Amino acid sequence: MNNDKTYNLEERTFEFARDCRLFVSKLNKTISNIEDTKQLVKSSGSVGANYIEANEKLGDKDFKFRLKIARKEAKESRYWLRLLKETNVKVKNKENIDKLIDEAEELRKILSAIIY
């Protein structure tokens, strides 16, 4: 994970989705991890995808609607990351998952600031 904060939000959301995928590739393949990581992969990718769609807005209503979806997906990503952290107590490099949790929260806050 890159420690320099990217100010290009399209790139930053891409890096978040990429880093989530790299994180889940290192987890044990238990039934719960497989199901939880599927959800994380979907929600983390959806943050950036919806942000990109918001930038191709069809109007102010569409712009806000897409940003709200992106924000919702950031919140959901944070949820799955927290759950994976708590259920994988033997995971090495816990600071990586903490960074992902923090990034999901920062993205949520940024998207909220843009909406309002």
PDB file of N, CA and C in Angstrom:
ATOM      1  N   MET A   1       0.845  -1.168   0.000  1.00  0.00           N
ATOM      2  CA  MET A   1       0.000   0.000   0.000  1.00  0.00           C
ATOM      3  C   MET A   1       0.894   1.236   0.000  1.00  0.00           C
ATOM      4  N   ASN A   2       0.565   2.159  -0.834  1.00  0.00           N
ATOM      5  CA  ASN A   2       1.320   3.388  -0.972  1.00  0.00           C
ATOM      6  C   ASN A   2       0.999   4.319   0.201  1.00  0.00           C
ATOM      7  N   ASN A   3       2.030   4.838   0.868  1.00  0.00           N
ATOM      8  CA  ASN A   3       1.808   5.726   2.011  1.00  0.00           C
ATOM      9  C   ASN A   3       1.498   7.157   1.594  1.00  0.00           C
ATOM     10  N   ASP A   4       1.880   7.546   0.373  1.00  0.00           N
ATOM     11  CA  ASP A   4       1.569   8.889  -0.122  1.00  0.00           C
ATOM     12  C   ASP A   4       0.104   8.935  -0.503  1.00  0.00           C
ATOM     13  N   LYS A   5      -0.612   9.914   0.039  1.00  0.00           N
ATOM     14  CA  LYS A   5      -2.035  10.049  -0.272  1.00  0.00           C
ATOM     15  C   LYS A   5      -2.192  10.587  -1.688  1.00  0.00           C
ATOM     16  N   THR A   6      -3.008   9.928  -2.454  1.00  0.00           N
ATOM     17  CA  THR A   6      -3.308  10.370  -3.801  1.00  0.00           C
ATOM     18  C   THR A   6      -4.480  11.331  -3.736  1.00  0.00           C
ATOM     19  N   TYR A   7      -4.339  12.471  -4.402  1.00  0.00           N
ATOM     20  CA  TYR A   7      -5.412  13.455  -4.379  1.00  0.00           C
ATOM     21  C   TYR A   7      -6.336  13.310  -5.581  1.00  0.00           C
ATOM     22  N   ASN A   8      -5.944  12.522  -6.572  1.00  0.00           N
ATOM     23  CA  ASN A   8      -6.813  12.180  -7.675  1.00  0.00           C
ATOM     24  C   ASN A   8      -7.732  11.079  -7.149  1.00  0.00           C
ATOM     25  N   LEU A   9      -8.989  11.399  -6.931  1.00  0.00           N
ATOM     26  CA  LEU A   9      -9.896  10.462  -6.271  1.00  0.00           C
ATOM     27  C   LEU A   9     -10.163   9.217  -7.112  1.00  0.00           C
ATOM     28  N   GLU A  10     -10.156   9.346  -8.428  1.00  0.00           N
ATOM     29  CA  GLU A  10     -10.314   8.149  -9.267  1.00  0.00           C
ATOM     30  C   GLU A  10      -9.158   7.184  -9.025  1.00  0.00           C
ATOM     31  N   GLU A  11      -7.951   7.713  -8.965  1.00  0.00           N
ATOM     32  CA  GLU A  11      -6.778   6.870  -8.735  1.00  0.00           C
ATOM     33  C   GLU A  11      -6.786   6.321  -7.307  1.00  0.00           C
ATOM     34  N   ARG A  12      -7.157   7.143  -6.378  1.00  0.00           N
ATOM     35  CA  ARG A  12      -7.175   6.718  -4.974  1.00  0.00           C
ATOM     36  C   ARG A  12      -8.180   5.592  -4.745  1.00  0.00           C
ATOM     37  N   THR A  13      -9.358   5.687  -5.361  1.00  0.00           N
ATOM     38  CA  THR A  13     -10.345   4.616  -5.203  1.00  0.00           C
ATOM     39  C   THR A  13      -9.884   3.347  -5.921  1.00  0.00           C
ATOM     40  N   PHE A  14      -9.165   3.510  -7.027  1.00  0.00           N
ATOM     41  CA  PHE A  14      -8.590   2.353  -7.719  1.00  0.00           C
ATOM     42  C   PHE A  14      -7.574   1.653  -6.817  1.00  0.00           C
ATOM     43  N   GLU A  15      -6.701   2.444  -6.208  1.00  0.00           N
ATOM     44  CA  GLU A  15      -5.678   1.878  -5.320  1.00  0.00           C
ATOM     45  C   GLU A  15      -6.313   1.171  -4.127  1.00  0.00           C
ATOM     46  N   PHE A  16      -7.400   1.728  -3.617  1.00  0.00           N
ATOM     47  CA  PHE A  16      -8.110   1.090  -2.506  1.00  0.00           C
ATOM     48  C   PHE A  16      -8.632  -0.282  -2.921  1.00  0.00           C
ATOM     49  N   ALA A  17      -9.287  -0.350  -4.074  1.00  0.00           N
ATOM     50  CA  ALA A  17      -9.810  -1.635  -4.557  1.00  0.00           C
ATOM     51  C   ALA A  17      -8.677  -2.626  -4.810  1.00  0.00           C
ATOM     52  N   ARG A  18      -7.594  -2.154  -5.404  1.00  0.00           N
ATOM     53  CA  ARG A  18      -6.434  -3.018  -5.662  1.00  0.00           C
ATOM     54  C   ARG A  18      -5.852  -3.549  -4.354  1.00  0.00           C
ATOM     55  N   ASP A  19      -5.677  -2.659  -3.378  1.00  0.00           N
ATOM     56  CA  ASP A  19      -5.077  -3.070  -2.108  1.00  0.00           C
ATOM     57  C   ASP A  19      -5.978  -4.048  -1.350  1.00  0.00           C
ATOM     58  N   CYS A  20      -7.287  -3.882  -1.466  1.00  0.00           N
ATOM     59  CA  CYS A  20      -8.205  -4.847  -0.845  1.00  0.00           C
ATOM     60  C   CYS A  20      -8.034  -6.222  -1.484  1.00  0.00           C
ATOM     61  N   ARG A  21      -7.886  -6.257  -2.799  1.00  0.00           N
ATOM     62  CA  ARG A  21      -7.694  -7.528  -3.489  1.00  0.00           C
ATOM     63  C   ARG A  21      -6.367  -8.181  -3.105  1.00  0.00           C
ATOM     64  N   LEU A  22      -5.328  -7.385  -2.986  1.00  0.00           N
ATOM     65  CA  LEU A  22      -4.038  -7.928  -2.567  1.00  0.00           C
ATOM     66  C   LEU A  22      -4.118  -8.477  -1.146  1.00  0.00           C
ATOM     67  N   PHE A  23      -4.844  -7.779  -0.283  1.00  0.00           N
ATOM     68  CA  PHE A  23      -5.018  -8.237   1.095  1.00  0.00           C
ATOM     69  C   PHE A  23      -5.743  -9.582   1.142  1.00  0.00           C
ATOM     70  N   VAL A  24      -6.868  -9.691   0.435  1.00  0.00           N
ATOM     71  CA  VAL A  24      -7.662 -10.925   0.525  1.00  0.00           C
ATOM     72  C   VAL A  24      -6.942 -12.112  -0.103  1.00  0.00           C
ATOM     73  N   SER A  25      -6.037 -11.854  -1.031  1.00  0.00           N
ATOM     74  CA  SER A  25      -5.314 -12.969  -1.664  1.00  0.00           C
ATOM     75  C   SER A  25      -4.395 -13.683  -0.674  1.00  0.00           C
ATOM     76  N   LYS A  26      -4.110 -13.035   0.458  1.00  0.00           N
ATOM     77  CA  LYS A  26      -3.207 -13.613   1.457  1.00  0.00           C
ATOM     78  C   LYS A  26      -3.942 -14.332   2.597  1.00  0.00           C
ATOM     79  N   LEU A  27      -5.266 -14.266   2.591  1.00  0.00           N
ATOM     80  CA  LEU A  27      -6.030 -14.893   3.670  1.00  0.00           C
ATOM     81  C   LEU A  27      -6.226 -16.386   3.416  1.00  0.00           C
ATOM     82  N   ASN A  28      -6.418 -17.119   4.514  1.00  0.00           N
ATOM     83  CA  ASN A  28      -6.749 -18.548   4.391  1.00  0.00           C
ATOM     84  C   ASN A  28      -8.087 -18.700   3.691  1.00  0.00           C
ATOM     85  N   LYS A  29      -8.235 -19.764   2.961  1.00  0.00           N
ATOM     86  CA  LYS A  29      -9.453 -19.999   2.181  1.00  0.00           C
ATOM     87  C   LYS A  29     -10.491 -20.772   2.995  1.00  0.00           C
ATOM     88  N   THR A  30     -10.936 -20.172   4.102  1.00  0.00           N
ATOM     89  CA  THR A  30     -12.014 -20.779   4.884  1.00  0.00           C
ATOM     90  C   THR A  30     -13.347 -20.384   4.254  1.00  0.00           C
ATOM     91  N   ILE A  31     -14.411 -21.067   4.630  1.00  0.00           N
ATOM     92  CA  ILE A  31     -15.724 -20.754   4.066  1.00  0.00           C
ATOM     93  C   ILE A  31     -16.113 -19.315   4.371  1.00  0.00           C
ATOM     94  N   SER A  32     -15.934 -18.889   5.612  1.00  0.00           N
ATOM     95  CA  SER A  32     -16.325 -17.525   5.959  1.00  0.00           C
ATOM     96  C   SER A  32     -15.433 -16.496   5.257  1.00  0.00           C
ATOM     97  N   ASN A  33     -14.138 -16.757   5.164  1.00  0.00           N
ATOM     98  CA  ASN A  33     -13.257 -15.823   4.461  1.00  0.00           C
ATOM     99  C   ASN A  33     -13.632 -15.703   2.994  1.00  0.00           C
ATOM    100  N   ILE A  34     -13.952 -16.806   2.373  1.00  0.00           N
ATOM    101  CA  ILE A  34     -14.333 -16.767   0.951  1.00  0.00           C
ATOM    102  C   ILE A  34     -15.568 -15.902   0.762  1.00  0.00           C
ATOM    103  N   GLU A  35     -16.569 -16.100   1.598  1.00  0.00           N
ATOM    104  CA  GLU A  35     -17.807 -15.321   1.460  1.00  0.00           C
ATOM    105  C   GLU A  35     -17.585 -13.850   1.803  1.00  0.00           C
ATOM    106  N   ASP A  36     -16.852 -13.593   2.871  1.00  0.00           N
ATOM    107  CA  ASP A  36     -16.612 -12.206   3.279  1.00  0.00           C
ATOM    108  C   ASP A  36     -15.732 -11.467   2.268  1.00  0.00           C
ATOM    109  N   THR A  37     -14.727 -12.157   1.739  1.00  0.00           N
ATOM    110  CA  THR A  37     -13.846 -11.500   0.764  1.00  0.00           C
ATOM    111  C   THR A  37     -14.571 -11.235  -0.556  1.00  0.00           C
ATOM    112  N   LYS A  38     -15.510 -12.083  -0.928  1.00  0.00           N
ATOM    113  CA  LYS A  38     -16.318 -11.801  -2.126  1.00  0.00           C
ATOM    114  C   LYS A  38     -17.045 -10.473  -1.955  1.00  0.00           C
ATOM    115  N   GLN A  39     -17.620 -10.281  -0.779  1.00  0.00           N
ATOM    116  CA  GLN A  39     -18.346  -9.047  -0.505  1.00  0.00           C
ATOM    117  C   GLN A  39     -17.401  -7.845  -0.512  1.00  0.00           C
ATOM    118  N   LEU A  40     -16.221  -8.011   0.078  1.00  0.00           N
ATOM    119  CA  LEU A  40     -15.248  -6.923   0.112  1.00  0.00           C
ATOM    120  C   LEU A  40     -14.772  -6.567  -1.290  1.00  0.00           C
ATOM    121  N   VAL A  41     -14.497  -7.568  -2.090  1.00  0.00           N
ATOM    122  CA  VAL A  41     -14.038  -7.311  -3.458  1.00  0.00           C
ATOM    123  C   VAL A  41     -15.096  -6.519  -4.224  1.00  0.00           C
ATOM    124  N   LYS A  42     -16.347  -6.896  -4.072  1.00  0.00           N
ATOM    125  CA  LYS A  42     -17.429  -6.195  -4.767  1.00  0.00           C
ATOM    126  C   LYS A  42     -17.566  -4.758  -4.271  1.00  0.00           C
ATOM    127  N   SER A  43     -17.635  -4.583  -2.956  1.00  0.00           N
ATOM    128  CA  SER A  43     -17.879  -3.233  -2.426  1.00  0.00           C
ATOM    129  C   SER A  43     -16.689  -2.311  -2.653  1.00  0.00           C
ATOM    130  N   SER A  44     -15.478  -2.806  -2.500  1.00  0.00           N
ATOM    131  CA  SER A  44     -14.304  -1.941  -2.677  1.00  0.00           C
ATOM    132  C   SER A  44     -14.167  -1.487  -4.127  1.00  0.00           C
ATOM    133  N   GLY A  45     -14.479  -2.354  -5.063  1.00  0.00           N
ATOM    134  CA  GLY A  45     -14.441  -1.964  -6.473  1.00  0.00           C
ATOM    135  C   GLY A  45     -15.561  -1.012  -6.838  1.00  0.00           C
ATOM    136  N   SER A  46     -16.672  -1.164  -6.163  1.00  0.00           N
ATOM    137  CA  SER A  46     -17.836  -0.334  -6.444  1.00  0.00           C
ATOM    138  C   SER A  46     -17.654   1.109  -5.994  1.00  0.00           C
ATOM    139  N   VAL A  47     -16.791   1.341  -5.022  1.00  0.00           N
ATOM    140  CA  VAL A  47     -16.523   2.719  -4.582  1.00  0.00           C
ATOM    141  C   VAL A  47     -16.017   3.524  -5.780  1.00  0.00           C
ATOM    142  N   GLY A  48     -14.975   3.038  -6.415  1.00  0.00           N
ATOM    143  CA  GLY A  48     -14.385   3.747  -7.547  1.00  0.00           C
ATOM    144  C   GLY A  48     -15.269   3.752  -8.779  1.00  0.00           C
ATOM    145  N   ALA A  49     -15.920   2.629  -9.041  1.00  0.00           N
ATOM    146  CA  ALA A  49     -16.782   2.554 -10.219  1.00  0.00           C
ATOM    147  C   ALA A  49     -17.909   3.576 -10.140  1.00  0.00           C
ATOM    148  N   ASN A  50     -18.504   3.716  -8.976  1.00  0.00           N
ATOM    149  CA  ASN A  50     -19.583   4.688  -8.816  1.00  0.00           C
ATOM    150  C   ASN A  50     -19.065   6.121  -8.809  1.00  0.00           C
ATOM    151  N   TYR A  51     -17.865   6.321  -8.310  1.00  0.00           N
ATOM    152  CA  TYR A  51     -17.279   7.660  -8.369  1.00  0.00           C
ATOM    153  C   TYR A  51     -17.037   8.066  -9.824  1.00  0.00           C
ATOM    154  N   ILE A  52     -16.527   7.149 -10.613  1.00  0.00           N
ATOM    155  CA  ILE A  52     -16.301   7.429 -12.038  1.00  0.00           C
ATOM    156  C   ILE A  52     -17.625   7.732 -12.729  1.00  0.00           C
ATOM    157  N   GLU A  53     -18.656   6.941 -12.421  1.00  0.00           N
ATOM    158  CA  GLU A  53     -19.975   7.198 -13.007  1.00  0.00           C
ATOM    159  C   GLU A  53     -20.515   8.556 -12.575  1.00  0.00           C
ATOM    160  N   ALA A  54     -20.250   8.950 -11.345  1.00  0.00           N
ATOM    161  CA  ALA A  54     -20.709  10.260 -10.869  1.00  0.00           C
ATOM    162  C   ALA A  54     -20.075  11.375 -11.694  1.00  0.00           C
ATOM    163  N   ASN A  55     -18.829  11.200 -12.070  1.00  0.00           N
ATOM    164  CA  ASN A  55     -18.139  12.217 -12.862  1.00  0.00           C
ATOM    165  C   ASN A  55     -18.671  12.306 -14.288  1.00  0.00           C
ATOM    166  N   GLU A  56     -19.389  11.307 -14.717  1.00  0.00           N
ATOM    167  CA  GLU A  56     -20.032  11.320 -16.035  1.00  0.00           C
ATOM    168  C   GLU A  56     -21.506  11.664 -15.869  1.00  0.00           C
ATOM    169  N   LYS A  57     -21.772  12.497 -14.907  1.00  0.00           N
ATOM    170  CA  LYS A  57     -23.129  12.801 -14.470  1.00  0.00           C
ATOM    171  C   LYS A  57     -24.053  13.246 -15.602  1.00  0.00           C
ATOM    172  N   LEU A  58     -25.296  12.929 -15.384  1.00  0.00           N
ATOM    173  CA  LEU A  58     -26.347  13.347 -16.300  1.00  0.00           C
ATOM    174  C   LEU A  58     -27.109  14.526 -15.717  1.00  0.00           C
ATOM    175  N   GLY A  59     -26.605  15.041 -14.618  1.00  0.00           N
ATOM    176  CA  GLY A  59     -27.238  16.159 -13.919  1.00  0.00           C
ATOM    177  C   GLY A  59     -26.847  16.103 -12.464  1.00  0.00           C
ATOM    178  N   ASP A  60     -27.226  17.132 -11.723  1.00  0.00           N
ATOM    179  CA  ASP A  60     -26.853  17.200 -10.310  1.00  0.00           C
ATOM    180  C   ASP A  60     -27.456  16.069  -9.487  1.00  0.00           C
ATOM    181  N   LYS A  61     -28.697  15.692  -9.793  1.00  0.00           N
ATOM    182  CA  LYS A  61     -29.332  14.596  -9.053  1.00  0.00           C
ATOM    183  C   LYS A  61     -28.571  13.290  -9.259  1.00  0.00           C
ATOM    184  N   ASP A  62     -28.213  13.012 -10.503  1.00  0.00           N
ATOM    185  CA  ASP A  62     -27.474  11.791 -10.826  1.00  0.00           C
ATOM    186  C   ASP A  62     -26.104  11.808 -10.147  1.00  0.00           C
ATOM    187  N   PHE A  63     -25.444  12.956 -10.166  1.00  0.00           N
ATOM    188  CA  PHE A  63     -24.133  13.112  -9.540  1.00  0.00           C
ATOM    189  C   PHE A  63     -24.194  12.751  -8.061  1.00  0.00           C
ATOM    190  N   LYS A  64     -25.138  13.346  -7.345  1.00  0.00           N
ATOM    191  CA  LYS A  64     -25.278  13.078  -5.906  1.00  0.00           C
ATOM    192  C   LYS A  64     -25.677  11.628  -5.652  1.00  0.00           C
ATOM    193  N   PHE A  65     -26.565  11.098  -6.478  1.00  0.00           N
ATOM    194  CA  PHE A  65     -27.012   9.719  -6.317  1.00  0.00           C
ATOM    195  C   PHE A  65     -25.828   8.753  -6.422  1.00  0.00           C
ATOM    196  N   ARG A  66     -24.985   8.933  -7.438  1.00  0.00           N
ATOM    197  CA  ARG A  66     -23.815   8.050  -7.630  1.00  0.00           C
ATOM    198  C   ARG A  66     -22.817   8.207  -6.488  1.00  0.00           C
ATOM    199  N   LEU A  67     -22.631   9.439  -6.027  1.00  0.00           N
ATOM    200  CA  LEU A  67     -21.721   9.659  -4.905  1.00  0.00           C
ATOM    201  C   LEU A  67     -22.247   9.000  -3.631  1.00  0.00           C
ATOM    202  N   LYS A  68     -23.543   9.033  -3.440  1.00  0.00           N
ATOM    203  CA  LYS A  68     -24.127   8.379  -2.264  1.00  0.00           C
ATOM    204  C   LYS A  68     -23.936   6.870  -2.329  1.00  0.00           C
ATOM    205  N   ILE A  69     -24.036   6.314  -3.528  1.00  0.00           N
ATOM    206  CA  ILE A  69     -23.779   4.875  -3.668  1.00  0.00           C
ATOM    207  C   ILE A  69     -22.313   4.582  -3.367  1.00  0.00           C
ATOM    208  N   ALA A  70     -21.410   5.396  -3.900  1.00  0.00           N
ATOM    209  CA  ALA A  70     -19.978   5.203  -3.634  1.00  0.00           C
ATOM    210  C   ALA A  70     -19.697   5.283  -2.139  1.00  0.00           C
ATOM    211  N   ARG A  71     -20.332   6.247  -1.471  1.00  0.00           N
ATOM    212  CA  ARG A  71     -20.154   6.393  -0.021  1.00  0.00           C
ATOM    213  C   ARG A  71     -20.678   5.157   0.715  1.00  0.00           C
ATOM    214  N   LYS A  72     -21.828   4.662   0.302  1.00  0.00           N
ATOM    215  CA  LYS A  72     -22.402   3.464   0.904  1.00  0.00           C
ATOM    216  C   LYS A  72     -21.460   2.271   0.730  1.00  0.00           C
ATOM    217  N   GLU A  73     -20.851   2.161  -0.432  1.00  0.00           N
ATOM    218  CA  GLU A  73     -19.925   1.053  -0.694  1.00  0.00           C
ATOM    219  C   GLU A  73     -18.645   1.196   0.135  1.00  0.00           C
ATOM    220  N   ALA A  74     -18.208   2.410   0.393  1.00  0.00           N
ATOM    221  CA  ALA A  74     -17.040   2.617   1.263  1.00  0.00           C
ATOM    222  C   ALA A  74     -17.358   2.165   2.679  1.00  0.00           C
ATOM    223  N   LYS A  75     -18.575   2.512   3.139  1.00  0.00           N
ATOM    224  CA  LYS A  75     -18.998   2.070   4.472  1.00  0.00           C
ATOM    225  C   LYS A  75     -19.080   0.554   4.531  1.00  0.00           C
ATOM    226  N   GLU A  76     -19.611  -0.053   3.473  1.00  0.00           N
ATOM    227  CA  GLU A  76     -19.721  -1.507   3.442  1.00  0.00           C
ATOM    228  C   GLU A  76     -18.333  -2.156   3.417  1.00  0.00           C
ATOM    229  N   SER A  77     -17.421  -1.576   2.659  1.00  0.00           N
ATOM    230  CA  SER A  77     -16.052  -2.108   2.615  1.00  0.00           C
ATOM    231  C   SER A  77     -15.422  -2.093   3.997  1.00  0.00           C
ATOM    232  N   ARG A  78     -15.633  -0.999   4.707  1.00  0.00           N
ATOM    233  CA  ARG A  78     -15.097  -0.890   6.067  1.00  0.00           C
ATOM    234  C   ARG A  78     -15.666  -1.995   6.952  1.00  0.00           C
ATOM    235  N   TYR A  79     -16.944  -2.266   6.805  1.00  0.00           N
ATOM    236  CA  TYR A  79     -17.589  -3.321   7.583  1.00  0.00           C
ATOM    237  C   TYR A  79     -16.920  -4.666   7.317  1.00  0.00           C
ATOM    238  N   TRP A  80     -16.741  -5.033   6.032  1.00  0.00           N
ATOM    239  CA  TRP A  80     -16.149  -6.334   5.701  1.00  0.00           C
ATOM    240  C   TRP A  80     -14.696  -6.411   6.167  1.00  0.00           C
ATOM    241  N   LEU A  81     -13.968  -5.312   6.063  1.00  0.00           N
ATOM    242  CA  LEU A  81     -12.586  -5.303   6.534  1.00  0.00           C
ATOM    243  C   LEU A  81     -12.515  -5.519   8.041  1.00  0.00           C
ATOM    244  N   ARG A  82     -13.384  -4.849   8.769  1.00  0.00           N
ATOM    245  CA  ARG A  82     -13.417  -5.037  10.233  1.00  0.00           C
ATOM    246  C   ARG A  82     -13.756  -6.480  10.588  1.00  0.00           C
ATOM    247  N   LEU A  83     -14.713  -7.041   9.882  1.00  0.00           N
ATOM    248  CA  LEU A  83     -15.107  -8.423  10.141  1.00  0.00           C
ATOM    249  C   LEU A  83     -13.952  -9.379   9.835  1.00  0.00           C
ATOM    250  N   LEU A  84     -13.273  -9.171   8.728  1.00  0.00           N
ATOM    251  CA  LEU A  84     -12.130 -10.021   8.382  1.00  0.00           C
ATOM    252  C   LEU A  84     -11.003  -9.869   9.395  1.00  0.00           C
ATOM    253  N   LYS A  85     -10.812  -8.669   9.885  1.00  0.00           N
ATOM    254  CA  LYS A  85      -9.771  -8.445  10.901  1.00  0.00           C
ATOM    255  C   LYS A  85     -10.090  -9.221  12.173  1.00  0.00           C
ATOM    256  N   GLU A  86     -11.322  -9.151  12.618  1.00  0.00           N
ATOM    257  CA  GLU A  86     -11.719  -9.795  13.870  1.00  0.00           C
ATOM    258  C   GLU A  86     -11.771 -11.319  13.762  1.00  0.00           C
ATOM    259  N   THR A  87     -12.007 -11.839  12.585  1.00  0.00           N
ATOM    260  CA  THR A  87     -12.140 -13.300  12.433  1.00  0.00           C
ATOM    261  C   THR A  87     -10.868 -13.964  11.929  1.00  0.00           C
ATOM    262  N   ASN A  88      -9.842 -13.186  11.679  1.00  0.00           N
ATOM    263  CA  ASN A  88      -8.552 -13.725  11.240  1.00  0.00           C
ATOM    264  C   ASN A  88      -7.466 -13.244  12.193  1.00  0.00           C
ATOM    265  N   VAL A  89      -7.566 -13.715  13.428  1.00  0.00           N
ATOM    266  CA  VAL A  89      -6.675 -13.226  14.479  1.00  0.00           C
ATOM    267  C   VAL A  89      -5.209 -13.569  14.230  1.00  0.00           C
ATOM    268  N   LYS A  90      -4.949 -14.548  13.397  1.00  0.00           N
ATOM    269  CA  LYS A  90      -3.570 -14.944  13.137  1.00  0.00           C
ATOM    270  C   LYS A  90      -2.980 -14.261  11.908  1.00  0.00           C
ATOM    271  N   VAL A  91      -3.687 -13.298  11.354  1.00  0.00           N
ATOM    272  CA  VAL A  91      -3.202 -12.597  10.166  1.00  0.00           C
ATOM    273  C   VAL A  91      -1.954 -11.795  10.516  1.00  0.00           C
ATOM    274  N   LYS A  92      -0.939 -11.957   9.684  1.00  0.00           N
ATOM    275  CA  LYS A  92       0.278 -11.166   9.853  1.00  0.00           C
ATOM    276  C   LYS A  92       0.025  -9.787   9.261  1.00  0.00           C
ATOM    277  N   ASN A  93       0.821  -8.832   9.679  1.00  0.00           N
ATOM    278  CA  ASN A  93       0.726  -7.468   9.168  1.00  0.00           C
ATOM    279  C   ASN A  93      -0.655  -6.862   9.394  1.00  0.00           C
ATOM    280  N   LYS A  94      -1.127  -6.915  10.617  1.00  0.00           N
ATOM    281  CA  LYS A  94      -2.435  -6.329  10.940  1.00  0.00           C
ATOM    282  C   LYS A  94      -2.490  -4.843  10.596  1.00  0.00           C
ATOM    283  N   GLU A  95      -1.301  -4.196  10.550  1.00  0.00           N
ATOM    284  CA  GLU A  95      -1.311  -2.770  10.204  1.00  0.00           C
ATOM    285  C   GLU A  95      -1.821  -2.542   8.788  1.00  0.00           C
ATOM    286  N   ASN A  96      -1.662  -3.528   7.898  1.00  0.00           N
ATOM    287  CA  ASN A  96      -2.191  -3.390   6.539  1.00  0.00           C
ATOM    288  C   ASN A  96      -3.708  -3.319   6.543  1.00  0.00           C
ATOM    289  N   ILE A  97      -4.344  -4.183   7.312  1.00  0.00           N
ATOM    290  CA  ILE A  97      -5.808  -4.145   7.359  1.00  0.00           C
ATOM    291  C   ILE A  97      -6.281  -2.874   8.065  1.00  0.00           C
ATOM    292  N   ASP A  98      -5.538  -2.425   9.065  1.00  0.00           N
ATOM    293  CA  ASP A  98      -5.901  -1.168   9.728  1.00  0.00           C
ATOM    294  C   ASP A  98      -5.808   0.003   8.753  1.00  0.00           C
ATOM    295  N   LYS A  99      -4.803  -0.001   7.887  1.00  0.00           N
ATOM    296  CA  LYS A  99      -4.673   1.052   6.873  1.00  0.00           C
ATOM    297  C   LYS A  99      -5.849   1.009   5.901  1.00  0.00           C
ATOM    298  N   LEU A 100      -6.277  -0.193   5.537  1.00  0.00           N
ATOM    299  CA  LEU A 100      -7.430  -0.324   4.637  1.00  0.00           C
ATOM    300  C   LEU A 100      -8.708   0.167   5.308  1.00  0.00           C
ATOM    301  N   ILE A 101      -8.870  -0.165   6.569  1.00  0.00           N
ATOM    302  CA  ILE A 101     -10.046   0.298   7.318  1.00  0.00           C
ATOM    303  C   ILE A 101     -10.034   1.822   7.387  1.00  0.00           C
ATOM    304  N   ASP A 102      -8.872   2.390   7.678  1.00  0.00           N
ATOM    305  CA  ASP A 102      -8.752   3.851   7.735  1.00  0.00           C
ATOM    306  C   ASP A 102      -9.036   4.480   6.373  1.00  0.00           C
ATOM    307  N   GLU A 103      -8.546   3.868   5.315  1.00  0.00           N
ATOM    308  CA  GLU A 103      -8.769   4.416   3.976  1.00  0.00           C
ATOM    309  C   GLU A 103     -10.244   4.359   3.600  1.00  0.00           C
ATOM    310  N   ALA A 104     -10.923   3.280   3.942  1.00  0.00           N
ATOM    311  CA  ALA A 104     -12.364   3.186   3.671  1.00  0.00           C
ATOM    312  C   ALA A 104     -13.092   4.323   4.381  1.00  0.00           C
ATOM    313  N   GLU A 105     -12.704   4.611   5.609  1.00  0.00           N
ATOM    314  CA  GLU A 105     -13.342   5.686   6.369  1.00  0.00           C
ATOM    315  C   GLU A 105     -12.997   7.052   5.774  1.00  0.00           C
ATOM    316  N   GLU A 106     -11.759   7.243   5.365  1.00  0.00           N
ATOM    317  CA  GLU A 106     -11.381   8.516   4.739  1.00  0.00           C
ATOM    318  C   GLU A 106     -12.144   8.734   3.435  1.00  0.00           C
ATOM    319  N   LEU A 107     -12.270   7.692   2.633  1.00  0.00           N
ATOM    320  CA  LEU A 107     -13.027   7.808   1.386  1.00  0.00           C
ATOM    321  C   LEU A 107     -14.479   8.166   1.674  1.00  0.00           C
ATOM    322  N   ARG A 108     -15.048   7.539   2.697  1.00  0.00           N
ATOM    323  CA  ARG A 108     -16.433   7.855   3.070  1.00  0.00           C
ATOM    324  C   ARG A 108     -16.572   9.332   3.421  1.00  0.00           C
ATOM    325  N   LYS A 109     -15.633   9.836   4.208  1.00  0.00           N
ATOM    326  CA  LYS A 109     -15.672  11.243   4.615  1.00  0.00           C
ATOM    327  C   LYS A 109     -15.496  12.187   3.422  1.00  0.00           C
ATOM    328  N   ILE A 110     -14.590  11.858   2.538  1.00  0.00           N
ATOM    329  CA  ILE A 110     -14.375  12.684   1.346  1.00  0.00           C
ATOM    330  C   ILE A 110     -15.638  12.719   0.498  1.00  0.00           C
ATOM    331  N   LEU A 111     -16.232  11.562   0.284  1.00  0.00           N
ATOM    332  CA  LEU A 111     -17.452  11.505  -0.531  1.00  0.00           C
ATOM    333  C   LEU A 111     -18.577  12.263   0.143  1.00  0.00           C
ATOM    334  N   SER A 112     -18.684  12.167   1.458  1.00  0.00           N
ATOM    335  CA  SER A 112     -19.706  12.929   2.197  1.00  0.00           C
ATOM    336  C   SER A 112     -19.499  14.430   2.011  1.00  0.00           C
ATOM    337  N   ALA A 113     -18.240  14.861   2.067  1.00  0.00           N
ATOM    338  CA  ALA A 113     -17.940  16.289   1.907  1.00  0.00           C
ATOM    339  C   ALA A 113     -18.315  16.781   0.508  1.00  0.00           C
ATOM    340  N   ILE A 114     -18.136  15.950  -0.491  1.00  0.00           N
ATOM    341  CA  ILE A 114     -18.480  16.330  -1.861  1.00  0.00           C
ATOM    342  C   ILE A 114     -20.004  16.409  -2.007  1.00  0.00           C
ATOM    343  N   ILE A 115     -20.707  15.499  -1.366  1.00  0.00           N
ATOM    344  CA  ILE A 115     -22.174  15.447  -1.477  1.00  0.00           C
ATOM    345  C   ILE A 115     -22.797  16.692  -0.870  1.00  0.00           C
ATOM    346  N   TYR A 116     -22.263  17.144   0.280  1.00  0.00           N
ATOM    347  CA  TYR A 116     -22.904  18.242   1.010  1.00  0.00           C
ATOM    348  C   TYR A 116     -22.199  19.532   0.846  1.00  0.00           C
TER     349      TYR A 116
END
